[in-house]
Amino acid sequence: MQFMLLNYVKEAEFPSIPPDEVERWFGAYRAYVDAMAQAGVLVSQNALKPTTTATSVRVIDGKTQVLDGPYAESREQLGGYHLIEVPDLDAAIAWAARCPTALHGTVEVRPVRDPL
């Protein structure tokens, strides 16, 4: 079964994190991704650029609206994802709990639908 691990972080706090803490966090992240790859569960993963680079699109009454920035205002912003393939939700939760993001933000675990 495939699950998307969505990493939500407090983007505004990044500039105040000391460089040595940032390096430690990225090291923990690299180790986490390596562990998933070695376990054979990692399908895909990537970080996202800041929300200031986002563009939101919606269609209302047949007219396309393009907005700068993310669609929703929230305390935490989507910072990246990991697509994993594991036997069940319990295994996906176990991988989410190991994610460094869980220490500073939130990791949402969501099953991926079968193709239509």
N, C-alpha and C. Protein backbone atom coordinates (compact mmCIF):
# COMPACT_ATOMS: atom_id res chain seq x y z
N MET A 1 0.83 -1.18 0.00
CA MET A 1 0.00 0.00 0.00
C MET A 1 0.87 1.25 0.00
N GLN A 2 0.49 2.23 -0.77
CA GLN A 2 1.26 3.47 -0.78
C GLN A 2 0.63 4.51 0.15
N PHE A 3 1.52 5.24 0.82
CA PHE A 3 1.12 6.33 1.70
C PHE A 3 1.98 7.54 1.40
N MET A 4 1.36 8.72 1.47
CA MET A 4 2.08 9.97 1.34
C MET A 4 2.31 10.50 2.74
N LEU A 5 3.57 10.77 3.07
CA LEU A 5 3.90 11.43 4.33
C LEU A 5 4.12 12.89 4.00
N LEU A 6 3.21 13.74 4.44
CA LEU A 6 3.26 15.17 4.13
C LEU A 6 3.87 15.90 5.32
N ASN A 7 4.94 16.63 5.07
CA ASN A 7 5.70 17.30 6.12
C ASN A 7 5.29 18.76 6.23
N TYR A 8 4.67 19.11 7.36
CA TYR A 8 4.24 20.48 7.61
C TYR A 8 5.17 21.12 8.63
N VAL A 9 5.67 22.29 8.30
CA VAL A 9 6.64 22.99 9.14
C VAL A 9 6.22 24.44 9.34
N LYS A 10 6.82 25.09 10.32
CA LYS A 10 6.58 26.51 10.54
C LYS A 10 7.67 27.27 9.78
N GLU A 11 7.36 27.57 8.55
CA GLU A 11 8.32 28.17 7.62
C GLU A 11 8.93 29.47 8.14
N ALA A 12 8.13 30.27 8.83
CA ALA A 12 8.60 31.57 9.32
C ALA A 12 9.69 31.44 10.37
N GLU A 13 9.80 30.27 11.00
CA GLU A 13 10.81 30.08 12.05
C GLU A 13 12.19 29.72 11.49
N PHE A 14 12.27 29.32 10.24
CA PHE A 14 13.55 28.88 9.67
C PHE A 14 14.68 29.90 9.79
N PRO A 15 14.42 31.20 9.48
CA PRO A 15 15.53 32.16 9.56
C PRO A 15 16.15 32.30 10.95
N SER A 16 15.39 31.97 12.00
CA SER A 16 15.92 32.12 13.35
C SER A 16 16.66 30.89 13.87
N ILE A 17 16.70 29.83 13.08
CA ILE A 17 17.38 28.60 13.52
C ILE A 17 18.88 28.77 13.30
N PRO A 18 19.70 28.53 14.33
CA PRO A 18 21.15 28.67 14.18
C PRO A 18 21.69 27.70 13.13
N PRO A 19 22.73 28.11 12.37
CA PRO A 19 23.28 27.27 11.29
C PRO A 19 23.67 25.86 11.74
N ASP A 20 24.25 25.72 12.94
CA ASP A 20 24.63 24.38 13.38
C ASP A 20 23.42 23.49 13.63
N GLU A 21 22.32 24.09 14.07
CA GLU A 21 21.07 23.34 14.26
C GLU A 21 20.49 22.93 12.91
N VAL A 22 20.56 23.83 11.92
CA VAL A 22 20.08 23.52 10.57
C VAL A 22 20.88 22.34 10.01
N GLU A 23 22.19 22.37 10.15
CA GLU A 23 23.03 21.29 9.64
C GLU A 23 22.73 19.97 10.34
N ARG A 24 22.50 20.03 11.64
CA ARG A 24 22.15 18.82 12.40
C ARG A 24 20.82 18.25 11.91
N TRP A 25 19.86 19.15 11.66
CA TRP A 25 18.54 18.71 11.18
C TRP A 25 18.65 18.08 9.79
N PHE A 26 19.40 18.72 8.89
CA PHE A 26 19.56 18.15 7.55
C PHE A 26 20.29 16.81 7.61
N GLY A 27 21.24 16.67 8.52
CA GLY A 27 21.91 15.39 8.70
C GLY A 27 20.94 14.31 9.15
N ALA A 28 20.07 14.65 10.08
CA ALA A 28 19.05 13.70 10.54
C ALA A 28 18.10 13.35 9.41
N TYR A 29 17.77 14.33 8.58
CA TYR A 29 16.89 14.10 7.44
C TYR A 29 17.53 13.16 6.42
N ARG A 30 18.82 13.41 6.13
CA ARG A 30 19.53 12.53 5.18
C ARG A 30 19.55 11.09 5.70
N ALA A 31 19.79 10.93 7.00
CA ALA A 31 19.82 9.58 7.60
C ALA A 31 18.43 8.93 7.50
N TYR A 32 17.39 9.70 7.71
CA TYR A 32 16.02 9.19 7.64
C TYR A 32 15.70 8.71 6.22
N VAL A 33 16.03 9.53 5.22
CA VAL A 33 15.77 9.17 3.83
C VAL A 33 16.60 7.94 3.44
N ASP A 34 17.86 7.90 3.88
CA ASP A 34 18.71 6.73 3.61
C ASP A 34 18.12 5.47 4.23
N ALA A 35 17.60 5.57 5.44
CA ALA A 35 16.99 4.41 6.11
C ALA A 35 15.77 3.90 5.34
N MET A 36 14.95 4.83 4.84
CA MET A 36 13.78 4.42 4.05
C MET A 36 14.22 3.75 2.75
N ALA A 37 15.24 4.32 2.11
CA ALA A 37 15.75 3.73 0.87
C ALA A 37 16.31 2.34 1.12
N GLN A 38 17.10 2.19 2.17
CA GLN A 38 17.68 0.89 2.48
C GLN A 38 16.62 -0.14 2.85
N ALA A 39 15.53 0.29 3.47
CA ALA A 39 14.44 -0.62 3.83
C ALA A 39 13.57 -0.96 2.61
N GLY A 40 13.78 -0.25 1.50
CA GLY A 40 13.03 -0.51 0.28
C GLY A 40 11.60 0.02 0.30
N VAL A 41 11.31 1.00 1.17
CA VAL A 41 9.95 1.54 1.24
C VAL A 41 9.80 2.89 0.53
N LEU A 42 10.90 3.56 0.23
CA LEU A 42 10.85 4.89 -0.36
C LEU A 42 10.56 4.79 -1.86
N VAL A 43 9.47 5.41 -2.29
CA VAL A 43 9.12 5.46 -3.70
C VAL A 43 9.61 6.77 -4.31
N SER A 44 9.37 7.88 -3.57
CA SER A 44 9.74 9.20 -4.06
C SER A 44 9.75 10.15 -2.88
N GLN A 45 10.51 11.23 -2.98
CA GLN A 45 10.52 12.25 -1.92
C GLN A 45 11.12 13.51 -2.46
N ASN A 46 10.71 14.62 -1.86
CA ASN A 46 11.30 15.90 -2.23
C ASN A 46 10.86 16.98 -1.26
N ALA A 47 11.66 18.01 -1.17
CA ALA A 47 11.31 19.20 -0.41
C ALA A 47 10.69 20.21 -1.37
N LEU A 48 9.92 21.12 -0.81
CA LEU A 48 9.29 22.16 -1.62
C LEU A 48 9.95 23.50 -1.34
N LYS A 49 9.94 24.36 -2.34
CA LYS A 49 10.43 25.73 -2.15
C LYS A 49 9.45 26.46 -1.24
N PRO A 50 9.85 27.60 -0.67
CA PRO A 50 8.98 28.33 0.27
C PRO A 50 7.63 28.71 -0.32
N THR A 51 6.66 28.92 0.55
CA THR A 51 5.31 29.28 0.10
C THR A 51 5.28 30.58 -0.68
N THR A 52 6.30 31.42 -0.52
CA THR A 52 6.35 32.67 -1.30
C THR A 52 6.49 32.40 -2.79
N THR A 53 6.87 31.18 -3.16
CA THR A 53 7.01 30.82 -4.58
C THR A 53 5.76 30.12 -5.11
N ALA A 54 4.75 29.90 -4.24
CA ALA A 54 3.55 29.15 -4.63
C ALA A 54 2.62 29.99 -5.48
N THR A 55 1.88 29.30 -6.33
CA THR A 55 0.80 29.88 -7.11
C THR A 55 -0.41 28.98 -6.94
N SER A 56 -1.54 29.56 -6.61
CA SER A 56 -2.77 28.78 -6.43
C SER A 56 -3.72 29.07 -7.58
N VAL A 57 -4.36 28.02 -8.10
CA VAL A 57 -5.27 28.15 -9.23
C VAL A 57 -6.61 27.53 -8.84
N ARG A 58 -7.66 28.24 -9.17
CA ARG A 58 -9.00 27.68 -9.01
C ARG A 58 -9.88 28.26 -10.11
N VAL A 59 -10.96 27.55 -10.41
CA VAL A 59 -11.90 27.99 -11.44
C VAL A 59 -13.24 28.23 -10.76
N ILE A 60 -13.73 29.47 -10.90
CA ILE A 60 -15.03 29.85 -10.33
C ILE A 60 -15.89 30.39 -11.46
N ASP A 61 -17.07 29.79 -11.61
CA ASP A 61 -17.99 30.19 -12.68
C ASP A 61 -17.30 30.18 -14.04
N GLY A 62 -16.48 29.18 -14.27
CA GLY A 62 -15.81 29.02 -15.56
C GLY A 62 -14.62 29.94 -15.78
N LYS A 63 -14.28 30.75 -14.81
CA LYS A 63 -13.15 31.68 -14.96
C LYS A 63 -12.00 31.24 -14.08
N THR A 64 -10.83 31.19 -14.67
CA THR A 64 -9.63 30.79 -13.94
C THR A 64 -9.13 31.95 -13.10
N GLN A 65 -8.88 31.67 -11.84
CA GLN A 65 -8.28 32.65 -10.94
C GLN A 65 -6.91 32.14 -10.53
N VAL A 66 -5.92 32.98 -10.68
CA VAL A 66 -4.55 32.64 -10.31
C VAL A 66 -4.14 33.58 -9.19
N LEU A 67 -3.71 32.99 -8.07
CA LEU A 67 -3.35 33.77 -6.89
C LEU A 67 -1.90 33.49 -6.52
N ASP A 68 -1.18 34.51 -6.11
CA ASP A 68 0.16 34.29 -5.59
C ASP A 68 0.05 33.72 -4.20
N GLY A 69 0.90 32.76 -3.90
CA GLY A 69 0.94 32.19 -2.56
C GLY A 69 0.11 30.95 -2.42
N PRO A 70 0.19 30.34 -1.24
CA PRO A 70 -0.57 29.12 -0.99
C PRO A 70 -2.06 29.42 -0.87
N TYR A 71 -2.87 28.41 -1.08
CA TYR A 71 -4.33 28.58 -1.03
C TYR A 71 -4.83 28.84 0.39
N ALA A 72 -4.33 28.05 1.35
CA ALA A 72 -4.86 28.13 2.71
C ALA A 72 -3.89 28.84 3.65
N GLU A 73 -4.44 29.63 4.54
CA GLU A 73 -3.64 30.21 5.61
C GLU A 73 -3.62 29.21 6.75
N SER A 74 -2.45 28.93 7.27
CA SER A 74 -2.38 27.99 8.38
C SER A 74 -1.12 28.26 9.19
N ARG A 75 -1.06 27.65 10.38
CA ARG A 75 0.10 27.81 11.25
C ARG A 75 1.33 27.14 10.65
N GLU A 76 1.12 26.03 9.97
CA GLU A 76 2.23 25.28 9.39
C GLU A 76 2.02 25.19 7.88
N GLN A 77 3.13 25.10 7.15
CA GLN A 77 3.06 25.04 5.70
C GLN A 77 3.63 23.70 5.21
N LEU A 78 3.11 23.24 4.09
CA LEU A 78 3.61 22.01 3.48
C LEU A 78 5.03 22.25 2.99
N GLY A 79 5.99 21.52 3.54
CA GLY A 79 7.39 21.73 3.19
C GLY A 79 7.98 20.64 2.33
N GLY A 80 7.32 19.50 2.23
CA GLY A 80 7.84 18.41 1.42
C GLY A 80 7.02 17.15 1.64
N TYR A 81 7.45 16.09 0.98
CA TYR A 81 6.70 14.84 1.06
C TYR A 81 7.62 13.65 0.89
N HIS A 82 7.12 12.51 1.32
CA HIS A 82 7.75 11.21 1.06
C HIS A 82 6.62 10.29 0.62
N LEU A 83 6.78 9.66 -0.51
CA LEU A 83 5.83 8.64 -0.96
C LEU A 83 6.47 7.30 -0.62
N ILE A 84 5.77 6.52 0.21
CA ILE A 84 6.33 5.24 0.63
C ILE A 84 5.38 4.11 0.29
N GLU A 85 5.92 2.91 0.20
CA GLU A 85 5.11 1.72 -0.01
C GLU A 85 5.41 0.77 1.13
N VAL A 86 4.39 0.52 1.94
CA VAL A 86 4.50 -0.32 3.14
C VAL A 86 3.26 -1.20 3.24
N PRO A 87 3.30 -2.21 4.09
CA PRO A 87 2.17 -3.14 4.17
C PRO A 87 0.86 -2.54 4.68
N ASP A 88 0.94 -1.57 5.61
CA ASP A 88 -0.30 -1.08 6.21
C ASP A 88 -0.07 0.28 6.89
N LEU A 89 -1.17 0.82 7.44
CA LEU A 89 -1.13 2.12 8.09
C LEU A 89 -0.18 2.13 9.28
N ASP A 90 -0.13 1.05 10.04
CA ASP A 90 0.77 1.00 11.20
C ASP A 90 2.22 1.19 10.78
N ALA A 91 2.61 0.57 9.67
CA ALA A 91 3.98 0.73 9.17
C ALA A 91 4.22 2.16 8.71
N ALA A 92 3.23 2.77 8.05
CA ALA A 92 3.36 4.16 7.60
C ALA A 92 3.50 5.10 8.80
N ILE A 93 2.73 4.86 9.85
CA ILE A 93 2.81 5.68 11.05
C ILE A 93 4.19 5.53 11.70
N ALA A 94 4.72 4.32 11.70
CA ALA A 94 6.05 4.10 12.29
C ALA A 94 7.11 4.89 11.53
N TRP A 95 7.03 4.94 10.20
CA TRP A 95 7.99 5.74 9.41
C TRP A 95 7.76 7.23 9.66
N ALA A 96 6.51 7.67 9.76
CA ALA A 96 6.22 9.09 10.02
C ALA A 96 6.78 9.51 11.37
N ALA A 97 6.71 8.64 12.36
CA ALA A 97 7.22 8.96 13.69
C ALA A 97 8.73 9.10 13.71
N ARG A 98 9.41 8.46 12.77
CA ARG A 98 10.87 8.57 12.68
C ARG A 98 11.33 9.82 11.93
N CYS A 99 10.41 10.50 11.25
CA CYS A 99 10.75 11.67 10.44
C CYS A 99 11.17 12.83 11.34
N PRO A 100 12.31 13.47 11.05
CA PRO A 100 12.73 14.63 11.84
C PRO A 100 11.68 15.74 11.89
N THR A 101 10.85 15.85 10.87
CA THR A 101 9.81 16.88 10.87
C THR A 101 8.86 16.70 12.05
N ALA A 102 8.64 15.46 12.48
CA ALA A 102 7.73 15.20 13.59
C ALA A 102 8.22 15.84 14.89
N LEU A 103 9.52 16.16 14.97
CA LEU A 103 10.07 16.82 16.15
C LEU A 103 9.80 18.32 16.17
N HIS A 104 9.59 18.92 14.99
CA HIS A 104 9.44 20.38 14.90
C HIS A 104 8.15 20.81 14.22
N GLY A 105 7.44 19.87 13.64
CA GLY A 105 6.22 20.19 12.90
C GLY A 105 5.26 19.02 12.98
N THR A 106 4.61 18.75 11.87
CA THR A 106 3.63 17.68 11.80
C THR A 106 3.86 16.86 10.54
N VAL A 107 3.72 15.55 10.66
CA VAL A 107 3.77 14.67 9.50
C VAL A 107 2.38 14.06 9.34
N GLU A 108 1.71 14.42 8.26
CA GLU A 108 0.39 13.86 7.96
C GLU A 108 0.60 12.59 7.16
N VAL A 109 -0.09 11.52 7.53
CA VAL A 109 -0.02 10.25 6.82
C VAL A 109 -1.33 10.06 6.07
N ARG A 110 -1.22 9.94 4.76
CA ARG A 110 -2.45 9.80 3.97
C ARG A 110 -2.29 8.69 2.94
N PRO A 111 -3.26 7.73 2.90
CA PRO A 111 -3.18 6.67 1.90
C PRO A 111 -3.37 7.24 0.50
N VAL A 112 -2.69 6.64 -0.44
CA VAL A 112 -2.82 7.03 -1.85
C VAL A 112 -3.90 6.18 -2.48
N ARG A 113 -4.80 6.81 -3.21
CA ARG A 113 -5.87 6.09 -3.89
C ARG A 113 -5.33 5.24 -5.02
N ASP A 114 -6.05 4.16 -5.29
CA ASP A 114 -5.74 3.38 -6.49
C ASP A 114 -6.09 4.24 -7.70
N PRO A 115 -5.35 4.03 -8.81
CA PRO A 115 -5.66 4.83 -10.01
C PRO A 115 -7.11 4.64 -10.45
N LEU A 116 -7.68 5.68 -11.01
CA LEU A 116 -9.09 5.61 -11.49
C LEU A 116 -9.20 4.72 -12.69
